[in-house]
Amino acid sequence: MKGQQAVMSQKLKQTQDISIGDNLRKLRNHAKLTQEQVVAQLQLRNCSISRSAYSQIESGTYNIRISELVALAEIFRTDYNTIFNGLTYEK
């Protein structure tokens, strides 16, 4: 269990050229949720996050925690492939 907690506190760093923010915004809009509603759902799942921080996730300037990513997949009722859809890494 302790190892799982360590993994859950890790962050996924979003670089300038790769961001899941646009995909999360599309998923939120498709779910007809406001940022405030998403943050409330995250907080119910024990993710301590503000609306400002969530806004930064969508803009690609916040390093999202894995626990937040897991919770967002649940909130949007989607899988990780959808969250990462269309993203490629170019050197």
PDB file of N, CA and C in Angstrom:
ATOM      1  N   MET A   1       0.824  -1.193   0.000  1.00  0.00           N
ATOM      2  CA  MET A   1       0.000   0.000   0.000  1.00  0.00           C
ATOM      3  C   MET A   1       0.863   1.249   0.000  1.00  0.00           C
ATOM      4  N   LYS A   2       1.963   1.215   0.763  1.00  0.00           N
ATOM      5  CA  LYS A   2       2.839   2.374   0.833  1.00  0.00           C
ATOM      6  C   LYS A   2       3.431   2.695  -0.534  1.00  0.00           C
ATOM      7  N   GLY A   3       3.799   1.662  -1.287  1.00  0.00           N
ATOM      8  CA  GLY A   3       4.332   1.866  -2.632  1.00  0.00           C
ATOM      9  C   GLY A   3       3.311   2.508  -3.555  1.00  0.00           C
ATOM     10  N   GLN A   4       2.034   2.098  -3.389  1.00  0.00           N
ATOM     11  CA  GLN A   4       0.975   2.689  -4.209  1.00  0.00           C
ATOM     12  C   GLN A   4       0.806   4.160  -3.876  1.00  0.00           C
ATOM     13  N   GLN A   5       0.915   4.529  -2.597  1.00  0.00           N
ATOM     14  CA  GLN A   5       0.796   5.926  -2.206  1.00  0.00           C
ATOM     15  C   GLN A   5       1.931   6.741  -2.802  1.00  0.00           C
ATOM     16  N   ALA A   6       3.129   6.176  -2.854  1.00  0.00           N
ATOM     17  CA  ALA A   6       4.270   6.882  -3.438  1.00  0.00           C
ATOM     18  C   ALA A   6       4.026   7.143  -4.917  1.00  0.00           C
ATOM     19  N   VAL A   7       3.478   6.152  -5.608  1.00  0.00           N
ATOM     20  CA  VAL A   7       3.188   6.317  -7.026  1.00  0.00           C
ATOM     21  C   VAL A   7       2.121   7.387  -7.218  1.00  0.00           C
ATOM     22  N   MET A   8       1.105   7.395  -6.363  1.00  0.00           N
ATOM     23  CA  MET A   8      -0.002   8.328  -6.515  1.00  0.00           C
ATOM     24  C   MET A   8       0.432   9.773  -6.292  1.00  0.00           C
ATOM     25  N   SER A   9       1.537   9.986  -5.577  1.00  0.00           N
ATOM     26  CA  SER A   9       1.966  11.354  -5.325  1.00  0.00           C
ATOM     27  C   SER A   9       2.943  11.861  -6.389  1.00  0.00           C
ATOM     28  N   GLN A  10       3.326  11.007  -7.311  1.00  0.00           N
ATOM     29  CA  GLN A  10       4.213  11.435  -8.378  1.00  0.00           C
ATOM     30  C   GLN A  10       3.482  12.370  -9.322  1.00  0.00           C
ATOM     31  N   LYS A  11       4.250  13.178 -10.033  1.00  0.00           N
ATOM     32  CA  LYS A  11       3.663  14.115 -10.980  1.00  0.00           C
ATOM     33  C   LYS A  11       4.081  13.753 -12.395  1.00  0.00           C
ATOM     34  N   LEU A  12       3.172  14.021 -13.330  1.00  0.00           N
ATOM     35  CA  LEU A  12       3.501  13.895 -14.744  1.00  0.00           C
ATOM     36  C   LEU A  12       3.810  15.292 -15.245  1.00  0.00           C
ATOM     37  N   LYS A  13       5.025  15.495 -15.691  1.00  0.00           N
ATOM     38  CA  LYS A  13       5.425  16.821 -16.149  1.00  0.00           C
ATOM     39  C   LYS A  13       4.956  17.040 -17.578  1.00  0.00           C
ATOM     40  N   GLN A  14       4.249  18.132 -17.768  1.00  0.00           N
ATOM     41  CA  GLN A  14       3.799  18.506 -19.099  1.00  0.00           C
ATOM     42  C   GLN A  14       4.825  19.476 -19.671  1.00  0.00           C
ATOM     43  N   THR A  15       5.370  19.132 -20.827  1.00  0.00           N
ATOM     44  CA  THR A  15       6.324  20.029 -21.457  1.00  0.00           C
ATOM     45  C   THR A  15       5.571  20.989 -22.367  1.00  0.00           C
ATOM     46  N   GLN A  16       6.260  22.005 -22.827  1.00  0.00           N
ATOM     47  CA  GLN A  16       5.630  23.001 -23.680  1.00  0.00           C
ATOM     48  C   GLN A  16       5.041  22.390 -24.945  1.00  0.00           C
ATOM     49  N   ASP A  17       5.676  21.342 -25.460  1.00  0.00           N
ATOM     50  CA  ASP A  17       5.206  20.779 -26.722  1.00  0.00           C
ATOM     51  C   ASP A  17       4.210  19.633 -26.539  1.00  0.00           C
ATOM     52  N   ILE A  18       4.056  19.122 -25.319  1.00  0.00           N
ATOM     53  CA  ILE A  18       3.107  18.041 -25.069  1.00  0.00           C
ATOM     54  C   ILE A  18       2.267  18.421 -23.854  1.00  0.00           C
ATOM     55  N   SER A  19       0.966  18.504 -24.042  1.00  0.00           N
ATOM     56  CA  SER A  19       0.070  18.847 -22.949  1.00  0.00           C
ATOM     57  C   SER A  19      -1.240  18.096 -23.110  1.00  0.00           C
ATOM     58  N   ILE A  20      -1.732  17.552 -22.010  1.00  0.00           N
ATOM     59  CA  ILE A  20      -3.025  16.887 -22.037  1.00  0.00           C
ATOM     60  C   ILE A  20      -4.151  17.881 -21.754  1.00  0.00           C
ATOM     61  N   GLY A  21      -3.791  19.124 -21.510  1.00  0.00           N
ATOM     62  CA  GLY A  21      -4.770  20.136 -21.134  1.00  0.00           C
ATOM     63  C   GLY A  21      -5.901  20.312 -22.123  1.00  0.00           C
ATOM     64  N   ASP A  22      -5.584  20.359 -23.409  1.00  0.00           N
ATOM     65  CA  ASP A  22      -6.634  20.528 -24.422  1.00  0.00           C
ATOM     66  C   ASP A  22      -7.607  19.353 -24.393  1.00  0.00           C
ATOM     67  N   ASN A  23      -7.071  18.146 -24.242  1.00  0.00           N
ATOM     68  CA  ASN A  23      -7.930  16.969 -24.190  1.00  0.00           C
ATOM     69  C   ASN A  23      -8.815  17.004 -22.945  1.00  0.00           C
ATOM     70  N   LEU A  24      -8.262  17.429 -21.812  1.00  0.00           N
ATOM     71  CA  LEU A  24      -9.058  17.512 -20.590  1.00  0.00           C
ATOM     72  C   LEU A  24     -10.150  18.571 -20.723  1.00  0.00           C
ATOM     73  N   ARG A  25      -9.834  19.683 -21.356  1.00  0.00           N
ATOM     74  CA  ARG A  25     -10.846  20.733 -21.568  1.00  0.00           C
ATOM     75  C   ARG A  25     -11.980  20.205 -22.442  1.00  0.00           C
ATOM     76  N   LYS A  26     -11.632  19.479 -23.506  1.00  0.00           N
ATOM     77  CA  LYS A  26     -12.656  18.911 -24.384  1.00  0.00           C
ATOM     78  C   LYS A  26     -13.526  17.910 -23.628  1.00  0.00           C
ATOM     79  N   LEU A  27     -12.901  17.084 -22.812  1.00  0.00           N
ATOM     80  CA  LEU A  27     -13.655  16.105 -22.024  1.00  0.00           C
ATOM     81  C   LEU A  27     -14.575  16.802 -21.021  1.00  0.00           C
ATOM     82  N   ARG A  28     -14.079  17.856 -20.396  1.00  0.00           N
ATOM     83  CA  ARG A  28     -14.890  18.611 -19.432  1.00  0.00           C
ATOM     84  C   ARG A  28     -16.074  19.251 -20.134  1.00  0.00           C
ATOM     85  N   ASN A  29     -15.828  19.872 -21.271  1.00  0.00           N
ATOM     86  CA  ASN A  29     -16.919  20.497 -22.016  1.00  0.00           C
ATOM     87  C   ASN A  29     -17.935  19.467 -22.498  1.00  0.00           C
ATOM     88  N   HIS A  30     -17.449  18.307 -22.939  1.00  0.00           N
ATOM     89  CA  HIS A  30     -18.345  17.235 -23.384  1.00  0.00           C
ATOM     90  C   HIS A  30     -19.216  16.754 -22.225  1.00  0.00           C
ATOM     91  N   ALA A  31     -18.655  16.738 -21.017  1.00  0.00           N
ATOM     92  CA  ALA A  31     -19.402  16.330 -19.822  1.00  0.00           C
ATOM     93  C   ALA A  31     -20.298  17.450 -19.300  1.00  0.00           C
ATOM     94  N   LYS A  32     -20.205  18.627 -19.934  1.00  0.00           N
ATOM     95  CA  LYS A  32     -20.992  19.805 -19.538  1.00  0.00           C
ATOM     96  C   LYS A  32     -20.739  20.181 -18.078  1.00  0.00           C
ATOM     97  N   LEU A  33     -19.450  20.181 -17.716  1.00  0.00           N
ATOM     98  CA  LEU A  33     -19.038  20.552 -16.367  1.00  0.00           C
ATOM     99  C   LEU A  33     -18.230  21.837 -16.410  1.00  0.00           C
ATOM    100  N   THR A  34     -18.345  22.635 -15.361  1.00  0.00           N
ATOM    101  CA  THR A  34     -17.490  23.810 -15.215  1.00  0.00           C
ATOM    102  C   THR A  34     -16.205  23.373 -14.523  1.00  0.00           C
ATOM    103  N   GLN A  35     -15.206  24.236 -14.567  1.00  0.00           N
ATOM    104  CA  GLN A  35     -13.979  23.938 -13.838  1.00  0.00           C
ATOM    105  C   GLN A  35     -14.271  23.785 -12.352  1.00  0.00           C
ATOM    106  N   GLU A  36     -15.154  24.617 -11.815  1.00  0.00           N
ATOM    107  CA  GLU A  36     -15.506  24.537 -10.398  1.00  0.00           C
ATOM    108  C   GLU A  36     -16.130  23.186 -10.055  1.00  0.00           C
ATOM    109  N   GLN A  37     -16.975  22.667 -10.940  1.00  0.00           N
ATOM    110  CA  GLN A  37     -17.600  21.370 -10.700  1.00  0.00           C
ATOM    111  C   GLN A  37     -16.574  20.239 -10.743  1.00  0.00           C
ATOM    112  N   VAL A  38     -15.625  20.333 -11.669  1.00  0.00           N
ATOM    113  CA  VAL A  38     -14.568  19.319 -11.751  1.00  0.00           C
ATOM    114  C   VAL A  38     -13.723  19.357 -10.481  1.00  0.00           C
ATOM    115  N   VAL A  39     -13.364  20.552 -10.041  1.00  0.00           N
ATOM    116  CA  VAL A  39     -12.563  20.690  -8.817  1.00  0.00           C
ATOM    117  C   VAL A  39     -13.316  20.116  -7.623  1.00  0.00           C
ATOM    118  N   ALA A  40     -14.621  20.368  -7.529  1.00  0.00           N
ATOM    119  CA  ALA A  40     -15.414  19.813  -6.430  1.00  0.00           C
ATOM    120  C   ALA A  40     -15.371  18.284  -6.463  1.00  0.00           C
ATOM    121  N   GLN A  41     -15.476  17.699  -7.662  1.00  0.00           N
ATOM    122  CA  GLN A  41     -15.406  16.245  -7.798  1.00  0.00           C
ATOM    123  C   GLN A  41     -14.011  15.723  -7.428  1.00  0.00           C
ATOM    124  N   LEU A  42     -12.978  16.454  -7.813  1.00  0.00           N
ATOM    125  CA  LEU A  42     -11.607  16.069  -7.442  1.00  0.00           C
ATOM    126  C   LEU A  42     -11.445  16.097  -5.928  1.00  0.00           C
ATOM    127  N   GLN A  43     -11.971  17.130  -5.297  1.00  0.00           N
ATOM    128  CA  GLN A  43     -11.853  17.252  -3.850  1.00  0.00           C
ATOM    129  C   GLN A  43     -12.608  16.141  -3.134  1.00  0.00           C
ATOM    130  N   LEU A  44     -13.745  15.709  -3.673  1.00  0.00           N
ATOM    131  CA  LEU A  44     -14.480  14.582  -3.097  1.00  0.00           C
ATOM    132  C   LEU A  44     -13.671  13.292  -3.176  1.00  0.00           C
ATOM    133  N   ARG A  45     -12.733  13.257  -4.125  1.00  0.00           N
ATOM    134  CA  ARG A  45     -11.859  12.094  -4.290  1.00  0.00           C
ATOM    135  C   ARG A  45     -10.512  12.303  -3.603  1.00  0.00           C
ATOM    136  N   ASN A  46     -10.484  13.213  -2.638  1.00  0.00           N
ATOM    137  CA  ASN A  46      -9.285  13.499  -1.829  1.00  0.00           C
ATOM    138  C   ASN A  46      -8.122  14.085  -2.614  1.00  0.00           C
ATOM    139  N   CYS A  47      -8.407  14.773  -3.706  1.00  0.00           N
ATOM    140  CA  CYS A  47      -7.383  15.507  -4.433  1.00  0.00           C
ATOM    141  C   CYS A  47      -7.492  16.969  -4.010  1.00  0.00           C
ATOM    142  N   SER A  48      -6.501  17.434  -3.311  1.00  0.00           N
ATOM    143  CA  SER A  48      -6.506  18.813  -2.838  1.00  0.00           C
ATOM    144  C   SER A  48      -6.013  19.713  -3.964  1.00  0.00           C
ATOM    145  N   ILE A  49      -6.957  20.374  -4.635  1.00  0.00           N
ATOM    146  CA  ILE A  49      -6.626  21.195  -5.784  1.00  0.00           C
ATOM    147  C   ILE A  49      -7.585  22.385  -5.838  1.00  0.00           C
ATOM    148  N   SER A  50      -7.076  23.512  -6.287  1.00  0.00           N
ATOM    149  CA  SER A  50      -7.905  24.714  -6.431  1.00  0.00           C
ATOM    150  C   SER A  50      -8.377  24.842  -7.874  1.00  0.00           C
ATOM    151  N   ARG A  51      -9.358  25.724  -8.099  1.00  0.00           N
ATOM    152  CA  ARG A  51      -9.805  25.971  -9.462  1.00  0.00           C
ATOM    153  C   ARG A  51      -8.679  26.571 -10.285  1.00  0.00           C
ATOM    154  N   SER A  52      -7.879  27.412  -9.661  1.00  0.00           N
ATOM    155  CA  SER A  52      -6.744  28.020 -10.349  1.00  0.00           C
ATOM    156  C   SER A  52      -5.751  26.956 -10.821  1.00  0.00           C
ATOM    157  N   ALA A  53      -5.454  25.998  -9.953  1.00  0.00           N
ATOM    158  CA  ALA A  53      -4.526  24.921 -10.332  1.00  0.00           C
ATOM    159  C   ALA A  53      -5.125  24.072 -11.444  1.00  0.00           C
ATOM    160  N   TYR A  54      -6.435  23.799 -11.361  1.00  0.00           N
ATOM    161  CA  TYR A  54      -7.068  23.017 -12.423  1.00  0.00           C
ATOM    162  C   TYR A  54      -7.009  23.771 -13.753  1.00  0.00           C
ATOM    163  N   SER A  55      -7.223  25.067 -13.693  1.00  0.00           N
ATOM    164  CA  SER A  55      -7.123  25.895 -14.897  1.00  0.00           C
ATOM    165  C   SER A  55      -5.731  25.777 -15.510  1.00  0.00           C
ATOM    166  N   GLN A  56      -4.727  25.725 -14.649  1.00  0.00           N
ATOM    167  CA  GLN A  56      -3.343  25.579 -15.122  1.00  0.00           C
ATOM    168  C   GLN A  56      -3.125  24.205 -15.759  1.00  0.00           C
ATOM    169  N   ILE A  57      -3.811  23.180 -15.262  1.00  0.00           N
ATOM    170  CA  ILE A  57      -3.725  21.858 -15.895  1.00  0.00           C
ATOM    171  C   ILE A  57      -4.223  21.963 -17.331  1.00  0.00           C
ATOM    172  N   GLU A  58      -5.382  22.599 -17.500  1.00  0.00           N
ATOM    173  CA  GLU A  58      -5.950  22.720 -18.845  1.00  0.00           C
ATOM    174  C   GLU A  58      -5.087  23.583 -19.764  1.00  0.00           C
ATOM    175  N   SER A  59      -4.369  24.534 -19.192  1.00  0.00           N
ATOM    176  CA  SER A  59      -3.508  25.378 -20.029  1.00  0.00           C
ATOM    177  C   SER A  59      -2.119  24.770 -20.224  1.00  0.00           C
ATOM    178  N   GLY A  60      -1.836  23.662 -19.545  1.00  0.00           N
ATOM    179  CA  GLY A  60      -0.561  22.970 -19.724  1.00  0.00           C
ATOM    180  C   GLY A  60       0.583  23.540 -18.912  1.00  0.00           C
ATOM    181  N   THR A  61       0.280  24.342 -17.891  1.00  0.00           N
ATOM    182  CA  THR A  61       1.349  24.957 -17.093  1.00  0.00           C
ATOM    183  C   THR A  61       1.457  24.370 -15.686  1.00  0.00           C
ATOM    184  N   TYR A  62       0.692  23.335 -15.402  1.00  0.00           N
ATOM    185  CA  TYR A  62       0.703  22.699 -14.077  1.00  0.00           C
ATOM    186  C   TYR A  62       1.087  21.246 -14.253  1.00  0.00           C
ATOM    187  N   ASN A  63       2.001  20.764 -13.446  1.00  0.00           N
ATOM    188  CA  ASN A  63       2.415  19.364 -13.503  1.00  0.00           C
ATOM    189  C   ASN A  63       1.396  18.524 -12.744  1.00  0.00           C
ATOM    190  N   ILE A  64       0.555  17.842 -13.488  1.00  0.00           N
ATOM    191  CA  ILE A  64      -0.553  17.087 -12.920  1.00  0.00           C
ATOM    192  C   ILE A  64      -0.047  15.882 -12.137  1.00  0.00           C
ATOM    193  N   ARG A  65      -0.675  15.636 -11.005  1.00  0.00           N
ATOM    194  CA  ARG A  65      -0.357  14.455 -10.192  1.00  0.00           C
ATOM    195  C   ARG A  65      -1.067  13.240 -10.779  1.00  0.00           C
ATOM    196  N   ILE A  66      -0.443  12.094 -10.622  1.00  0.00           N
ATOM    197  CA  ILE A  66      -1.042  10.863 -11.135  1.00  0.00           C
ATOM    198  C   ILE A  66      -2.387  10.622 -10.462  1.00  0.00           C
ATOM    199  N   SER A  67      -2.497  10.900  -9.178  1.00  0.00           N
ATOM    200  CA  SER A  67      -3.778  10.719  -8.485  1.00  0.00           C
ATOM    201  C   SER A  67      -4.853  11.609  -9.092  1.00  0.00           C
ATOM    202  N   GLU A  68      -4.487  12.809  -9.525  1.00  0.00           N
ATOM    203  CA  GLU A  68      -5.447  13.708 -10.178  1.00  0.00           C
ATOM    204  C   GLU A  68      -5.860  13.160 -11.542  1.00  0.00           C
ATOM    205  N   LEU A  69      -4.907  12.592 -12.255  1.00  0.00           N
ATOM    206  CA  LEU A  69      -5.192  12.006 -13.563  1.00  0.00           C
ATOM    207  C   LEU A  69      -6.162  10.832 -13.421  1.00  0.00           C
ATOM    208  N   VAL A  70      -5.926   9.979 -12.424  1.00  0.00           N
ATOM    209  CA  VAL A  70      -6.812   8.842 -12.174  1.00  0.00           C
ATOM    210  C   VAL A  70      -8.221   9.342 -11.855  1.00  0.00           C
ATOM    211  N   ALA A  71      -8.305  10.350 -10.987  1.00  0.00           N
ATOM    212  CA  ALA A  71      -9.603  10.905 -10.612  1.00  0.00           C
ATOM    213  C   ALA A  71     -10.301  11.542 -11.808  1.00  0.00           C
ATOM    214  N   LEU A  72      -9.566  12.252 -12.653  1.00  0.00           N
ATOM    215  CA  LEU A  72     -10.169  12.887 -13.826  1.00  0.00           C
ATOM    216  C   LEU A  72     -10.726  11.844 -14.796  1.00  0.00           C
ATOM    217  N   ALA A  73     -10.023  10.736 -14.955  1.00  0.00           N
ATOM    218  CA  ALA A  73     -10.531   9.667 -15.816  1.00  0.00           C
ATOM    219  C   ALA A  73     -11.858   9.148 -15.275  1.00  0.00           C
ATOM    220  N   GLU A  74     -11.976   9.042 -13.955  1.00  0.00           N
ATOM    221  CA  GLU A  74     -13.231   8.611 -13.338  1.00  0.00           C
ATOM    222  C   GLU A  74     -14.322   9.662 -13.535  1.00  0.00           C
ATOM    223  N   ILE A  75     -13.996  10.910 -13.283  1.00  0.00           N
ATOM    224  CA  ILE A  75     -14.978  12.000 -13.394  1.00  0.00           C
ATOM    225  C   ILE A  75     -15.522  12.096 -14.814  1.00  0.00           C
ATOM    226  N   PHE A  76     -14.640  12.018 -15.794  1.00  0.00           N
ATOM    227  CA  PHE A  76     -15.049  12.138 -17.192  1.00  0.00           C
ATOM    228  C   PHE A  76     -15.512  10.809 -17.787  1.00  0.00           C
ATOM    229  N   ARG A  77     -15.452   9.745 -16.980  1.00  0.00           N
ATOM    230  CA  ARG A  77     -15.869   8.399 -17.412  1.00  0.00           C
ATOM    231  C   ARG A  77     -15.194   8.021 -18.729  1.00  0.00           C
ATOM    232  N   THR A  78     -13.875   8.127 -18.713  1.00  0.00           N
ATOM    233  CA  THR A  78     -13.100   7.843 -19.913  1.00  0.00           C
ATOM    234  C   THR A  78     -11.882   6.998 -19.557  1.00  0.00           C
ATOM    235  N   ASP A  79     -11.129   6.631 -20.554  1.00  0.00           N
ATOM    236  CA  ASP A  79      -9.903   5.874 -20.315  1.00  0.00           C
ATOM    237  C   ASP A  79      -8.689   6.757 -20.617  1.00  0.00           C
ATOM    238  N   TYR A  80      -7.535   6.250 -20.274  1.00  0.00           N
ATOM    239  CA  TYR A  80      -6.303   7.028 -20.442  1.00  0.00           C
ATOM    240  C   TYR A  80      -5.959   7.246 -21.912  1.00  0.00           C
ATOM    241  N   ASN A  81      -6.318   6.295 -22.769  1.00  0.00           N
ATOM    242  CA  ASN A  81      -6.061   6.482 -24.197  1.00  0.00           C
ATOM    243  C   ASN A  81      -6.759   7.725 -24.717  1.00  0.00           C
ATOM    244  N   THR A  82      -7.963   7.977 -24.234  1.00  0.00           N
ATOM    245  CA  THR A  82      -8.703   9.163 -24.662  1.00  0.00           C
ATOM    246  C   THR A  82      -8.037  10.424 -24.137  1.00  0.00           C
ATOM    247  N   ILE A  83      -7.580  10.383 -22.901  1.00  0.00           N
ATOM    248  CA  ILE A  83      -6.914  11.551 -22.315  1.00  0.00           C
ATOM    249  C   ILE A  83      -5.643  11.890 -23.090  1.00  0.00           C
ATOM    250  N   PHE A  84      -4.915  10.869 -23.523  1.00  0.00           N
ATOM    251  CA  PHE A  84      -3.653  11.079 -24.234  1.00  0.00           C
ATOM    252  C   PHE A  84      -3.808  11.040 -25.751  1.00  0.00           C
ATOM    253  N   ASN A  85      -5.031  11.006 -26.240  1.00  0.00           N
ATOM    254  CA  ASN A  85      -5.303  10.896 -27.667  1.00  0.00           C
ATOM    255  C   ASN A  85      -4.648  12.043 -28.448  1.00  0.00           C
ATOM    256  N   GLY A  86      -3.970  11.666 -29.530  1.00  0.00           N
ATOM    257  CA  GLY A  86      -3.401  12.673 -30.425  1.00  0.00           C
ATOM    258  C   GLY A  86      -2.069  13.253 -29.994  1.00  0.00           C
ATOM    259  N   LEU A  87      -1.565  12.841 -28.847  1.00  0.00           N
ATOM    260  CA  LEU A  87      -0.297  13.373 -28.372  1.00  0.00           C
ATOM    261  C   LEU A  87       0.851  12.530 -28.905  1.00  0.00           C
ATOM    262  N   THR A  88       1.858  13.187 -29.419  1.00  0.00           N
ATOM    263  CA  THR A  88       3.057  12.497 -29.889  1.00  0.00           C
ATOM    264  C   THR A  88       4.274  13.213 -29.354  1.00  0.00           C
ATOM    265  N   TYR A  89       5.333  12.492 -29.237  1.00  0.00           N
ATOM    266  CA  TYR A  89       6.597  13.070 -28.773  1.00  0.00           C
ATOM    267  C   TYR A  89       7.535  13.184 -29.947  1.00  0.00           C
ATOM    268  N   GLU A  90       8.009  14.386 -30.180  1.00  0.00           N
ATOM    269  CA  GLU A  90       8.973  14.616 -31.262  1.00  0.00           C
ATOM    270  C   GLU A  90      10.236  15.196 -30.656  1.00  0.00           C
ATOM    271  N   LYS A  91      11.363  14.642 -31.046  1.00  0.00           N
ATOM    272  CA  LYS A  91      12.655  15.118 -30.527  1.00  0.00           C
ATOM    273  C   LYS A  91      13.081  16.376 -31.235  1.00  0.00           C
TER     274      LYS A  91
END
